[in-house]
Structures are given as structure tokens and as C-alpha cells.
Amino acid sequence: RLVYAQGLASTPRLMRHLWRMCFALFISVG
């Protein structure tokens, strides 16, 4: 989706940052 859109608007961009960082932490904690 990111490649096709050639960039993300502010909200999807922040959401991509948020869930990936948090889920990386989730995996590590697990």
C-alpha cells in the first residue's frame, strides 16, 4: 500500500509507526 500510494498521509503514517514499534515490543516481551 505504501509503495502503491508513493507515500502515506499523516494519520496512516503515524499508525504505521505506532503499531510496528509497539508490536515489536510485544514480541520481545512475549
PDB file of all heavy atoms in Angstrom:
ATOM      1  N   ARG A   1       0.837  -1.208   0.000  1.00  0.00           N
ATOM      2  CA  ARG A   1       0.000   0.000   0.000  1.00  0.00           C
ATOM      3  C   ARG A   1       0.865   1.247   0.000  1.00  0.00           C
ATOM      4  O   ARG A   1       0.569   2.225  -0.707  1.00  0.00           O
ATOM      5  CB  ARG A   1      -0.912  -0.023   1.223  1.00  0.00           C
ATOM      6  CG  ARG A   1      -1.769   1.225   1.384  1.00  0.00           C
ATOM      7  CD  ARG A   1      -2.411   1.264   2.748  1.00  0.00           C
ATOM      8  NE  ARG A   1      -3.150   2.509   2.963  1.00  0.00           N
ATOM      9  CZ  ARG A   1      -3.577   2.924   4.136  1.00  0.00           C
ATOM     10  NH1 ARG A   1      -3.360   2.205   5.221  1.00  0.00           N
ATOM     11  NH2 ARG A   1      -4.240   4.052   4.244  1.00  0.00           N
ATOM     12  N   LEU A   2       1.935   1.213   0.791  1.00  0.00           N
ATOM     13  CA  LEU A   2       2.851   2.353   0.851  1.00  0.00           C
ATOM     14  C   LEU A   2       3.523   2.585  -0.497  1.00  0.00           C
ATOM     15  O   LEU A   2       3.635   3.726  -0.965  1.00  0.00           O
ATOM     16  CB  LEU A   2       3.904   2.099   1.934  1.00  0.00           C
ATOM     17  CG  LEU A   2       5.051   3.106   2.052  1.00  0.00           C
ATOM     18  CD1 LEU A   2       4.521   4.495   2.374  1.00  0.00           C
ATOM     19  CD2 LEU A   2       6.044   2.655   3.107  1.00  0.00           C
ATOM     20  N   VAL A   3       3.968   1.496  -1.133  1.00  0.00           N
ATOM     21  CA  VAL A   3       4.627   1.619  -2.435  1.00  0.00           C
ATOM     22  C   VAL A   3       3.652   2.134  -3.485  1.00  0.00           C
ATOM     23  O   VAL A   3       3.978   3.026  -4.285  1.00  0.00           O
ATOM     24  CB  VAL A   3       5.216   0.254  -2.864  1.00  0.00           C
ATOM     25  CG1 VAL A   3       5.705   0.302  -4.313  1.00  0.00           C
ATOM     26  CG2 VAL A   3       6.358  -0.143  -1.947  1.00  0.00           C
ATOM     27  N   TYR A   4       2.442   1.578  -3.491  1.00  0.00           N
ATOM     28  CA  TYR A   4       1.441   1.965  -4.490  1.00  0.00           C
ATOM     29  C   TYR A   4       1.036   3.430  -4.336  1.00  0.00           C
ATOM     30  O   TYR A   4       0.875   4.158  -5.319  1.00  0.00           O
ATOM     31  CB  TYR A   4       0.217   1.068  -4.365  1.00  0.00           C
ATOM     32  CG  TYR A   4      -0.896   1.407  -5.329  1.00  0.00           C
ATOM     33  CD1 TYR A   4      -0.815   1.039  -6.667  1.00  0.00           C
ATOM     34  CD2 TYR A   4      -2.031   2.104  -4.893  1.00  0.00           C
ATOM     35  CE1 TYR A   4      -1.822   1.370  -7.555  1.00  0.00           C
ATOM     36  CE2 TYR A   4      -3.046   2.429  -5.771  1.00  0.00           C
ATOM     37  CZ  TYR A   4      -2.937   2.055  -7.103  1.00  0.00           C
ATOM     38  OH  TYR A   4      -3.936   2.380  -7.981  1.00  0.00           O
ATOM     39  N   ALA A   5       0.871   3.867  -3.088  1.00  0.00           N
ATOM     40  CA  ALA A   5       0.452   5.254  -2.831  1.00  0.00           C
ATOM     41  C   ALA A   5       1.592   6.249  -2.962  1.00  0.00           C
ATOM     42  O   ALA A   5       1.357   7.459  -2.974  1.00  0.00           O
ATOM     43  CB  ALA A   5      -0.157   5.354  -1.436  1.00  0.00           C
ATOM     44  N   GLN A   6       2.840   5.720  -3.029  1.00  0.00           N
ATOM     45  CA  GLN A   6       4.028   6.572  -3.105  1.00  0.00           C
ATOM     46  C   GLN A   6       4.097   7.541  -1.916  1.00  0.00           C
ATOM     47  O   GLN A   6       4.407   8.720  -2.056  1.00  0.00           O
ATOM     48  CB  GLN A   6       4.065   7.340  -4.431  1.00  0.00           C
ATOM     49  CG  GLN A   6       4.156   6.434  -5.646  1.00  0.00           C
ATOM     50  CD  GLN A   6       4.302   7.203  -6.940  1.00  0.00           C
ATOM     51  OE1 GLN A   6       4.012   8.390  -7.019  1.00  0.00           O
ATOM     52  NE2 GLN A   6       4.781   6.539  -7.983  1.00  0.00           N
ATOM     53  N   GLY A   7       3.804   6.990  -0.749  1.00  0.00           N
ATOM     54  CA  GLY A   7       3.835   7.782   0.476  1.00  0.00           C
ATOM     55  C   GLY A   7       2.495   7.722   1.186  1.00  0.00           C
ATOM     56  O   GLY A   7       1.489   7.350   0.589  1.00  0.00           O
ATOM     57  N   LEU A   8       2.506   8.041   2.461  1.00  0.00           N
ATOM     58  CA  LEU A   8       1.291   7.990   3.260  1.00  0.00           C
ATOM     59  C   LEU A   8       0.979   9.359   3.843  1.00  0.00           C
ATOM     60  O   LEU A   8       1.884  10.143   4.144  1.00  0.00           O
ATOM     61  CB  LEU A   8       1.449   6.977   4.412  1.00  0.00           C
ATOM     62  CG  LEU A   8       1.630   5.506   4.027  1.00  0.00           C
ATOM     63  CD1 LEU A   8       1.896   4.682   5.272  1.00  0.00           C
ATOM     64  CD2 LEU A   8       0.420   4.985   3.283  1.00  0.00           C
ATOM     65  N   ALA A   9      -0.325   9.632   3.993  1.00  0.00           N
ATOM     66  CA  ALA A   9      -0.747  10.853   4.676  1.00  0.00           C
ATOM     67  C   ALA A   9      -0.363  10.784   6.143  1.00  0.00           C
ATOM     68  O   ALA A   9       0.089   9.740   6.637  1.00  0.00           O
ATOM     69  CB  ALA A   9      -2.251  11.043   4.510  1.00  0.00           C
ATOM     70  N   SER A  10      -0.559  11.853   6.851  1.00  0.00           N
ATOM     71  CA  SER A  10      -0.070  11.971   8.223  1.00  0.00           C
ATOM     72  C   SER A  10      -0.607  10.877   9.145  1.00  0.00           C
ATOM     73  O   SER A  10       0.156  10.206   9.852  1.00  0.00           O
ATOM     74  CB  SER A  10      -0.431  13.346   8.786  1.00  0.00           C
ATOM     75  OG  SER A  10       0.048  13.489  10.104  1.00  0.00           O
ATOM     76  N   THR A  11      -1.932  10.653   9.133  1.00  0.00           N
ATOM     77  CA  THR A  11      -2.520   9.677  10.064  1.00  0.00           C
ATOM     78  C   THR A  11      -2.100   8.246   9.761  1.00  0.00           C
ATOM     79  O   THR A  11      -1.655   7.527  10.670  1.00  0.00           O
ATOM     80  CB  THR A  11      -4.058   9.804  10.072  1.00  0.00           C
ATOM     81  OG1 THR A  11      -4.412  11.108  10.547  1.00  0.00           O
ATOM     82  CG2 THR A  11      -4.680   8.757  10.981  1.00  0.00           C
ATOM     83  N   PRO A  12      -2.206   7.744   8.519  1.00  0.00           N
ATOM     84  CA  PRO A  12      -1.721   6.384   8.237  1.00  0.00           C
ATOM     85  C   PRO A  12      -0.229   6.220   8.508  1.00  0.00           C
ATOM     86  O   PRO A  12       0.222   5.146   8.918  1.00  0.00           O
ATOM     87  CB  PRO A  12      -2.038   6.208   6.742  1.00  0.00           C
ATOM     88  CG  PRO A  12      -3.115   7.180   6.449  1.00  0.00           C
ATOM     89  CD  PRO A  12      -2.850   8.350   7.346  1.00  0.00           C
ATOM     90  N   ARG A  13       0.524   7.276   8.276  1.00  0.00           N
ATOM     91  CA  ARG A  13       1.970   7.241   8.535  1.00  0.00           C
ATOM     92  C   ARG A  13       2.245   7.050  10.020  1.00  0.00           C
ATOM     93  O   ARG A  13       3.081   6.230  10.419  1.00  0.00           O
ATOM     94  CB  ARG A  13       2.561   8.549   8.018  1.00  0.00           C
ATOM     95  CG  ARG A  13       3.997   8.848   8.381  1.00  0.00           C
ATOM     96  CD  ARG A  13       4.411  10.132   7.667  1.00  0.00           C
ATOM     97  NE  ARG A  13       5.606  10.705   8.230  1.00  0.00           N
ATOM     98  CZ  ARG A  13       5.629  11.611   9.202  1.00  0.00           C
ATOM     99  NH1 ARG A  13       4.470  12.023   9.726  1.00  0.00           N
ATOM    100  NH2 ARG A  13       6.765  12.090   9.657  1.00  0.00           N
ATOM    101  N   LEU A  14       1.522   7.786  10.857  1.00  0.00           N
ATOM    102  CA  LEU A  14       1.691   7.641  12.304  1.00  0.00           C
ATOM    103  C   LEU A  14       1.216   6.270  12.782  1.00  0.00           C
ATOM    104  O   LEU A  14       1.813   5.676  13.686  1.00  0.00           O
ATOM    105  CB  LEU A  14       0.932   8.754  13.034  1.00  0.00           C
ATOM    106  CG  LEU A  14       1.507  10.161  12.903  1.00  0.00           C
ATOM    107  CD1 LEU A  14       0.589  11.178  13.572  1.00  0.00           C
ATOM    108  CD2 LEU A  14       2.909  10.230  13.502  1.00  0.00           C
ATOM    109  N   MET A  15       0.128   5.778  12.180  1.00  0.00           N
ATOM    110  CA  MET A  15      -0.378   4.475  12.570  1.00  0.00           C
ATOM    111  C   MET A  15       0.613   3.371  12.222  1.00  0.00           C
ATOM    112  O   MET A  15       0.821   2.434  12.983  1.00  0.00           O
ATOM    113  CB  MET A  15      -1.724   4.218  11.886  1.00  0.00           C
ATOM    114  CG  MET A  15      -2.467   3.012  12.453  1.00  0.00           C
ATOM    115  SD  MET A  15      -2.873   3.210  14.201  1.00  0.00           S
ATOM    116  CE  MET A  15      -2.332   1.635  14.869  1.00  0.00           C
ATOM    117  N   ARG A  16       1.235   3.489  11.057  1.00  0.00           N
ATOM    118  CA  ARG A  16       2.257   2.518  10.649  1.00  0.00           C
ATOM    119  C   ARG A  16       3.415   2.531  11.643  1.00  0.00           C
ATOM    120  O   ARG A  16       3.898   1.473  12.060  1.00  0.00           O
ATOM    121  CB  ARG A  16       2.755   2.867   9.244  1.00  0.00           C
ATOM    122  CG  ARG A  16       3.883   1.963   8.708  1.00  0.00           C
ATOM    123  CD  ARG A  16       4.289   2.409   7.306  1.00  0.00           C
ATOM    124  NE  ARG A  16       5.467   1.707   6.826  1.00  0.00           N
ATOM    125  CZ  ARG A  16       5.449   0.565   6.153  1.00  0.00           C
ATOM    126  NH1 ARG A  16       4.305  -0.031   5.888  1.00  0.00           N
ATOM    127  NH2 ARG A  16       6.579  -0.006   5.745  1.00  0.00           N
ATOM    128  N   HIS A  17       3.841   3.720  12.031  1.00  0.00           N
ATOM    129  CA  HIS A  17       4.917   3.858  13.021  1.00  0.00           C
ATOM    130  C   HIS A  17       4.517   3.244  14.357  1.00  0.00           C
ATOM    131  O   HIS A  17       5.267   2.465  14.950  1.00  0.00           O
ATOM    132  CB  HIS A  17       5.235   5.345  13.190  1.00  0.00           C
ATOM    133  CG  HIS A  17       6.106   5.653  14.364  1.00  0.00           C
ATOM    134  ND1 HIS A  17       7.448   5.362  14.403  1.00  0.00           N
ATOM    135  CD2 HIS A  17       5.817   6.239  15.572  1.00  0.00           C
ATOM    136  CE1 HIS A  17       7.952   5.743  15.562  1.00  0.00           C
ATOM    137  NE2 HIS A  17       6.988   6.276  16.287  1.00  0.00           N
ATOM    138  N   LEU A  18       3.316   3.573  14.805  1.00  0.00           N
ATOM    139  CA  LEU A  18       2.873   3.162  16.129  1.00  0.00           C
ATOM    140  C   LEU A  18       2.736   1.651  16.266  1.00  0.00           C
ATOM    141  O   LEU A  18       3.325   1.049  17.171  1.00  0.00           O
ATOM    142  CB  LEU A  18       1.538   3.832  16.455  1.00  0.00           C
ATOM    143  CG  LEU A  18       0.873   3.342  17.736  1.00  0.00           C
ATOM    144  CD1 LEU A  18       1.499   4.038  18.925  1.00  0.00           C
ATOM    145  CD2 LEU A  18      -0.617   3.566  17.720  1.00  0.00           C
ATOM    146  N   TRP A  19       1.955   1.033  15.371  1.00  0.00           N
ATOM    147  CA  TRP A  19       1.675  -0.387  15.571  1.00  0.00           C
ATOM    148  C   TRP A  19       2.915  -1.239  15.367  1.00  0.00           C
ATOM    149  O   TRP A  19       3.102  -2.258  16.058  1.00  0.00           O
ATOM    150  CB  TRP A  19       0.509  -0.840  14.696  1.00  0.00           C
ATOM    151  CG  TRP A  19       0.840  -1.390  13.334  1.00  0.00           C
ATOM    152  CD1 TRP A  19       0.756  -0.742  12.144  1.00  0.00           C
ATOM    153  CD2 TRP A  19       1.269  -2.732  13.028  1.00  0.00           C
ATOM    154  NE1 TRP A  19       1.117  -1.576  11.115  1.00  0.00           N
ATOM    155  CE2 TRP A  19       1.432  -2.810  11.633  1.00  0.00           C
ATOM    156  CE3 TRP A  19       1.535  -3.868  13.803  1.00  0.00           C
ATOM    157  CZ2 TRP A  19       1.854  -3.967  10.975  1.00  0.00           C
ATOM    158  CZ3 TRP A  19       1.966  -5.025  13.149  1.00  0.00           C
ATOM    159  CH2 TRP A  19       2.120  -5.070  11.761  1.00  0.00           C
ATOM    160  N   ARG A  20       3.805  -0.840  14.464  1.00  0.00           N
ATOM    161  CA  ARG A  20       5.001  -1.645  14.224  1.00  0.00           C
ATOM    162  C   ARG A  20       5.974  -1.555  15.391  1.00  0.00           C
ATOM    163  O   ARG A  20       6.561  -2.558  15.803  1.00  0.00           O
ATOM    164  CB  ARG A  20       5.655  -1.220  12.900  1.00  0.00           C
ATOM    165  CG  ARG A  20       4.828  -1.656  11.692  1.00  0.00           C
ATOM    166  CD  ARG A  20       5.352  -1.137  10.370  1.00  0.00           C
ATOM    167  NE  ARG A  20       4.453  -1.563   9.299  1.00  0.00           N
ATOM    168  CZ  ARG A  20       4.797  -2.390   8.311  1.00  0.00           C
ATOM    169  NH1 ARG A  20       6.021  -2.876   8.253  1.00  0.00           N
ATOM    170  NH2 ARG A  20       3.917  -2.728   7.389  1.00  0.00           N
ATOM    171  N   MET A  21       6.145  -0.365  15.939  1.00  0.00           N
ATOM    172  CA  MET A  21       7.012  -0.221  17.103  1.00  0.00           C
ATOM    173  C   MET A  21       6.444  -0.978  18.303  1.00  0.00           C
ATOM    174  O   MET A  21       7.162  -1.704  19.002  1.00  0.00           O
ATOM    175  CB  MET A  21       7.181   1.263  17.441  1.00  0.00           C
ATOM    176  CG  MET A  21       8.008   2.038  16.440  1.00  0.00           C
ATOM    177  SD  MET A  21       9.704   1.459  16.345  1.00  0.00           S
ATOM    178  CE  MET A  21      10.567   2.972  16.017  1.00  0.00           C
ATOM    179  N   CYS A  22       5.145  -0.806  18.528  1.00  0.00           N
ATOM    180  CA  CYS A  22       4.518  -1.457  19.681  1.00  0.00           C
ATOM    181  C   CYS A  22       4.488  -2.971  19.521  1.00  0.00           C
ATOM    182  O   CYS A  22       4.697  -3.702  20.495  1.00  0.00           O
ATOM    183  CB  CYS A  22       3.106  -0.920  19.890  1.00  0.00           C
ATOM    184  SG  CYS A  22       3.037   0.747  20.573  1.00  0.00           S
ATOM    185  N   PHE A  23       4.243  -3.454  18.314  1.00  0.00           N
ATOM    186  CA  PHE A  23       4.186  -4.902  18.143  1.00  0.00           C
ATOM    187  C   PHE A  23       5.568  -5.531  18.234  1.00  0.00           C
ATOM    188  O   PHE A  23       5.707  -6.667  18.693  1.00  0.00           O
ATOM    189  CB  PHE A  23       3.521  -5.277  16.818  1.00  0.00           C
ATOM    190  CG  PHE A  23       2.786  -6.578  16.889  1.00  0.00           C
ATOM    191  CD1 PHE A  23       1.452  -6.603  17.265  1.00  0.00           C
ATOM    192  CD2 PHE A  23       3.422  -7.777  16.628  1.00  0.00           C
ATOM    193  CE1 PHE A  23       0.772  -7.801  17.371  1.00  0.00           C
ATOM    194  CE2 PHE A  23       2.752  -8.980  16.726  1.00  0.00           C
ATOM    195  CZ  PHE A  23       1.424  -8.989  17.093  1.00  0.00           C
ATOM    196  N   ALA A  24       6.589  -4.788  17.824  1.00  0.00           N
ATOM    197  CA  ALA A  24       7.953  -5.268  18.038  1.00  0.00           C
ATOM    198  C   ALA A  24       8.222  -5.428  19.533  1.00  0.00           C
ATOM    199  O   ALA A  24       8.822  -6.422  19.977  1.00  0.00           O
ATOM    200  CB  ALA A  24       8.953  -4.299  17.418  1.00  0.00           C
ATOM    201  N   LEU A  25       7.770  -4.451  20.315  1.00  0.00           N
ATOM    202  CA  LEU A  25       7.909  -4.544  21.765  1.00  0.00           C
ATOM    203  C   LEU A  25       7.097  -5.714  22.309  1.00  0.00           C
ATOM    204  O   LEU A  25       7.554  -6.440  23.205  1.00  0.00           O
ATOM    205  CB  LEU A  25       7.462  -3.235  22.409  1.00  0.00           C
ATOM    206  CG  LEU A  25       7.566  -3.139  23.929  1.00  0.00           C
ATOM    207  CD1 LEU A  25       9.013  -3.307  24.382  1.00  0.00           C
ATOM    208  CD2 LEU A  25       7.013  -1.800  24.423  1.00  0.00           C
ATOM    209  N   PHE A  26       5.897  -5.927  21.773  1.00  0.00           N
ATOM    210  CA  PHE A  26       5.041  -7.038  22.194  1.00  0.00           C
ATOM    211  C   PHE A  26       5.730  -8.382  21.974  1.00  0.00           C
ATOM    212  O   PHE A  26       5.720  -9.261  22.845  1.00  0.00           O
ATOM    213  CB  PHE A  26       3.723  -6.986  21.426  1.00  0.00           C
ATOM    214  CG  PHE A  26       2.842  -8.184  21.622  1.00  0.00           C
ATOM    215  CD1 PHE A  26       2.061  -8.318  22.760  1.00  0.00           C
ATOM    216  CD2 PHE A  26       2.793  -9.194  20.671  1.00  0.00           C
ATOM    217  CE1 PHE A  26       1.253  -9.432  22.944  1.00  0.00           C
ATOM    218  CE2 PHE A  26       1.990 -10.311  20.835  1.00  0.00           C
ATOM    219  CZ  PHE A  26       1.216 -10.426  21.981  1.00  0.00           C
ATOM    220  N   ILE A  27       6.338  -8.566  20.805  1.00  0.00           N
ATOM    221  CA  ILE A  27       7.042  -9.821  20.509  1.00  0.00           C
ATOM    222  C   ILE A  27       8.206 -10.021  21.464  1.00  0.00           C
ATOM    223  O   ILE A  27       8.431 -11.117  21.978  1.00  0.00           O
ATOM    224  CB  ILE A  27       7.532  -9.821  19.052  1.00  0.00           C
ATOM    225  CG1 ILE A  27       6.345  -9.851  18.084  1.00  0.00           C
ATOM    226  CG2 ILE A  27       8.451 -11.012  18.787  1.00  0.00           C
ATOM    227  CD1 ILE A  27       6.746  -9.683  16.630  1.00  0.00           C
ATOM    228  N   SER A  28       8.948  -8.940  21.721  1.00  0.00           N
ATOM    229  CA  SER A  28      10.107  -9.036  22.607  1.00  0.00           C
ATOM    230  C   SER A  28       9.698  -9.364  24.031  1.00  0.00           C
ATOM    231  O   SER A  28      10.336 -10.189  24.700  1.00  0.00           O
ATOM    232  CB  SER A  28      10.891  -7.718  22.576  1.00  0.00           C
ATOM    233  OG  SER A  28      11.321  -7.437  21.274  1.00  0.00           O
ATOM    234  N   VAL A  29       8.641  -8.722  24.505  1.00  0.00           N
ATOM    235  CA  VAL A  29       8.146  -9.024  25.848  1.00  0.00           C
ATOM    236  C   VAL A  29       7.666 -10.467  25.926  1.00  0.00           C
ATOM    237  O   VAL A  29       7.946 -11.177  26.897  1.00  0.00           O
ATOM    238  CB  VAL A  29       7.010  -8.048  26.232  1.00  0.00           C
ATOM    239  CG1 VAL A  29       6.294  -8.516  27.501  1.00  0.00           C
ATOM    240  CG2 VAL A  29       7.562  -6.651  26.431  1.00  0.00           C
ATOM    241  N   GLY A  30       6.959 -10.923  24.887  1.00  0.00           N
ATOM    242  CA  GLY A  30       6.493 -12.306  24.864  1.00  0.00           C
ATOM    243  C   GLY A  30       7.636 -13.303  24.878  1.00  0.00           C
ATOM    244  O   GLY A  30       7.571 -14.334  25.549  1.00  0.00           O
TER     245      GLY A  30
END
